Amino acid sequence: MEISKKSVGNVIRTVRKRRGHTIEELAYLSGLHSTHIGKIERGEISPSVDSLDKIVTVLNLNLVQFFQMITANKETPDITNVMIEKKISSMTSQEKDKLLHFLELYHT
């Protein structure tokens, strides 16, 4: 599967916004320039592996989770599922039980 620069940029932009970061904040926290991040988000350039690792680390992801968000033959990444899985995986058994109970009540 070939991953387009646009798909990479779309995922970064979407997660950045969901995390409440501006481009400038992401740039500062990752040690990259905001112009560079903007070009990546617009799909104008591809980030190096090192730059991508810095970006996804700030976004509280790892590279595997990031690439899971990019689906085959789609320009729109499936970010929500990966973010939900990440949250659930960090929960205790008791928290997972409470979540399951809530979901059973909410989704009948």
C-alpha atoms as a PDB file:
ATOM      1  CA  MET A   1       0.000   0.000   0.000  1.00  0.00           C
ATOM      2  CA  GLU A   2       1.359   3.376  -0.954  1.00  0.00           C
ATOM      3  CA  ILE A   3       0.728   6.144   1.541  1.00  0.00           C
ATOM      4  CA  SER A   4       0.228   9.601   0.089  1.00  0.00           C
ATOM      5  CA  LYS A   5       1.665  12.801   1.525  1.00  0.00           C
ATOM      6  CA  LYS A   6      -1.902  14.110   1.657  1.00  0.00           C
ATOM      7  CA  SER A   7      -3.042  11.199   3.843  1.00  0.00           C
ATOM      8  CA  VAL A   8      -0.152  11.750   6.250  1.00  0.00           C
ATOM      9  CA  GLY A   9      -0.937  15.459   6.442  1.00  0.00           C
ATOM     10  CA  ASN A  10      -4.659  14.863   6.942  1.00  0.00           C
ATOM     11  CA  VAL A  11      -4.025  12.531   9.882  1.00  0.00           C
ATOM     12  CA  ILE A  12      -1.604  14.951  11.518  1.00  0.00           C
ATOM     13  CA  ARG A  13      -3.973  17.904  11.094  1.00  0.00           C
ATOM     14  CA  THR A  14      -7.008  15.992  12.364  1.00  0.00           C
ATOM     15  CA  VAL A  15      -5.274  14.596  15.452  1.00  0.00           C
ATOM     16  CA  ARG A  16      -3.586  17.943  16.177  1.00  0.00           C
ATOM     17  CA  LYS A  17      -6.947  19.699  16.146  1.00  0.00           C
ATOM     18  CA  ARG A  18      -8.584  16.994  18.292  1.00  0.00           C
ATOM     19  CA  ARG A  19      -5.777  17.405  20.804  1.00  0.00           C
ATOM     20  CA  GLY A  20      -6.395  21.168  20.832  1.00  0.00           C
ATOM     21  CA  HIS A  21      -2.983  22.199  19.477  1.00  0.00           C
ATOM     22  CA  THR A  22      -2.252  24.964  17.018  1.00  0.00           C
ATOM     23  CA  ILE A  23       0.403  24.417  14.371  1.00  0.00           C
ATOM     24  CA  GLU A  24       2.676  26.704  16.371  1.00  0.00           C
ATOM     25  CA  GLU A  25       2.211  24.664  19.556  1.00  0.00           C
ATOM     26  CA  LEU A  26       2.865  21.405  17.721  1.00  0.00           C
ATOM     27  CA  ALA A  27       5.965  22.927  16.140  1.00  0.00           C
ATOM     28  CA  TYR A  28       7.304  24.165  19.477  1.00  0.00           C
ATOM     29  CA  LEU A  29       6.629  20.898  21.304  1.00  0.00           C
ATOM     30  CA  SER A  30       8.125  18.775  18.513  1.00  0.00           C
ATOM     31  CA  GLY A  31      11.147  21.006  17.926  1.00  0.00           C
ATOM     32  CA  LEU A  32      10.176  21.607  14.303  1.00  0.00           C
ATOM     33  CA  HIS A  33       9.353  24.828  12.474  1.00  0.00           C
ATOM     34  CA  SER A  34       5.682  25.745  12.057  1.00  0.00           C
ATOM     35  CA  THR A  35       6.192  26.312   8.316  1.00  0.00           C
ATOM     36  CA  HIS A  36       7.511  22.767   8.017  1.00  0.00           C
ATOM     37  CA  ILE A  37       4.502  21.350   9.873  1.00  0.00           C
ATOM     38  CA  GLY A  38       2.135  23.388   7.696  1.00  0.00           C
ATOM     39  CA  LYS A  39       3.711  21.988   4.524  1.00  0.00           C
ATOM     40  CA  ILE A  40       3.410  18.450   5.902  1.00  0.00           C
ATOM     41  CA  GLU A  41      -0.262  18.979   6.814  1.00  0.00           C
ATOM     42  CA  ARG A  42      -1.040  20.332   3.346  1.00  0.00           C
ATOM     43  CA  GLY A  43       0.649  17.334   1.730  1.00  0.00           C
ATOM     44  CA  GLU A  44       3.302  19.466   0.058  1.00  0.00           C
ATOM     45  CA  ILE A  45       6.202  17.526   1.584  1.00  0.00           C
ATOM     46  CA  SER A  46       6.772  14.190   3.278  1.00  0.00           C
ATOM     47  CA  PRO A  47       8.204  14.254   6.785  1.00  0.00           C
ATOM     48  CA  SER A  48      11.315  12.281   7.590  1.00  0.00           C
ATOM     49  CA  VAL A  49      10.822   9.335   9.920  1.00  0.00           C
ATOM     50  CA  ASP A  50      12.524  11.338  12.681  1.00  0.00           C
ATOM     51  CA  SER A  51      10.223  14.347  12.157  1.00  0.00           C
ATOM     52  CA  LEU A  52       7.142  12.138  11.991  1.00  0.00           C
ATOM     53  CA  ASP A  53       8.171  10.389  15.208  1.00  0.00           C
ATOM     54  CA  LYS A  54       8.556  13.763  16.953  1.00  0.00           C
ATOM     55  CA  ILE A  55       5.142  14.907  15.726  1.00  0.00           C
ATOM     56  CA  VAL A  56       3.243  11.758  16.678  1.00  0.00           C
ATOM     57  CA  THR A  57       4.934  11.666  20.085  1.00  0.00           C
ATOM     58  CA  VAL A  58       3.587  15.153  20.832  1.00  0.00           C
ATOM     59  CA  LEU A  59       0.175  13.946  19.650  1.00  0.00           C
ATOM     60  CA  ASN A  60       0.368  11.115  22.209  1.00  0.00           C
ATOM     61  CA  LEU A  61       0.660   8.373  19.588  1.00  0.00           C
ATOM     62  CA  ASN A  62       3.351   6.053  18.322  1.00  0.00           C
ATOM     63  CA  LEU A  63       4.195   5.373  14.687  1.00  0.00           C
ATOM     64  CA  VAL A  64       2.226   2.109  14.579  1.00  0.00           C
ATOM     65  CA  GLN A  65      -0.935   3.826  15.830  1.00  0.00           C
ATOM     66  CA  PHE A  66      -0.360   6.678  13.387  1.00  0.00           C
ATOM     67  CA  PHE A  67      -0.137   4.381  10.376  1.00  0.00           C
ATOM     68  CA  GLN A  68      -3.182   2.430  11.540  1.00  0.00           C
ATOM     69  CA  MET A  69      -5.131   5.644  11.064  1.00  0.00           C
ATOM     70  CA  ILE A  70      -4.314   5.698   7.374  1.00  0.00           C
ATOM     71  CA  THR A  71      -6.554   3.234   5.604  1.00  0.00           C
ATOM     72  CA  ALA A  72      -6.082   1.741   2.137  1.00  0.00           C
ATOM     73  CA  ASN A  73      -7.604   3.643  -0.770  1.00  0.00           C
ATOM     74  CA  LYS A  74      -8.959   6.442   1.423  1.00  0.00           C
ATOM     75  CA  GLU A  75      -7.851  10.014   1.875  1.00  0.00           C
ATOM     76  CA  THR A  76      -9.934  10.275   5.057  1.00  0.00           C
ATOM     77  CA  PRO A  77      -8.245   8.444   7.928  1.00  0.00           C
ATOM     78  CA  ASP A  78     -10.130   6.377  10.482  1.00  0.00           C
ATOM     79  CA  ILE A  79      -8.763   8.271  13.446  1.00  0.00           C
ATOM     80  CA  THR A  80     -11.614   7.849  15.883  1.00  0.00           C
ATOM     81  CA  ASN A  81     -11.281   4.074  16.188  1.00  0.00           C
ATOM     82  CA  VAL A  82      -7.545   4.228  16.839  1.00  0.00           C
ATOM     83  CA  MET A  83      -7.988   6.943  19.463  1.00  0.00           C
ATOM     84  CA  ILE A  84     -10.742   4.935  21.189  1.00  0.00           C
ATOM     85  CA  GLU A  85      -8.574   1.801  21.170  1.00  0.00           C
ATOM     86  CA  LYS A  86      -5.673   3.753  22.661  1.00  0.00           C
ATOM     87  CA  LYS A  87      -7.851   5.089  25.497  1.00  0.00           C
ATOM     88  CA  ILE A  88      -9.354   1.681  26.238  1.00  0.00           C
ATOM     89  CA  SER A  89      -5.971  -0.048  26.246  1.00  0.00           C
ATOM     90  CA  SER A  90      -4.767   2.271  28.989  1.00  0.00           C
ATOM     91  CA  MET A  91      -7.783   1.605  31.250  1.00  0.00           C
ATOM     92  CA  THR A  92      -7.833  -0.672  34.236  1.00  0.00           C
ATOM     93  CA  SER A  93     -10.128  -3.709  34.230  1.00  0.00           C
ATOM     94  CA  GLN A  94     -12.516  -1.893  36.543  1.00  0.00           C
ATOM     95  CA  GLU A  95     -12.659   1.122  34.221  1.00  0.00           C
ATOM     96  CA  LYS A  96     -13.269  -1.161  31.237  1.00  0.00           C
ATOM     97  CA  ASP A  97     -16.142  -2.836  33.099  1.00  0.00           C
ATOM     98  CA  LYS A  98     -17.694   0.566  33.844  1.00  0.00           C
ATOM     99  CA  LEU A  99     -17.325   1.596  30.224  1.00  0.00           C
ATOM    100  CA  LEU A 100     -18.930  -1.618  29.029  1.00  0.00           C
ATOM    101  CA  HIS A 101     -21.828  -1.106  31.445  1.00  0.00           C
ATOM    102  CA  PHE A 102     -22.264   2.461  30.186  1.00  0.00           C
ATOM    103  CA  LEU A 103     -22.218   1.309  26.547  1.00  0.00           C
ATOM    104  CA  GLU A 104     -24.774  -1.388  27.261  1.00  0.00           C
ATOM    105  CA  LEU A 105     -27.088   1.219  28.787  1.00  0.00           C
ATOM    106  CA  TYR A 106     -26.482   3.760  26.057  1.00  0.00           C
ATOM    107  CA  HIS A 107     -26.561   1.472  23.031  1.00  0.00           C
ATOM    108  CA  THR A 108     -29.453  -0.951  23.338  1.00  0.00           C
END
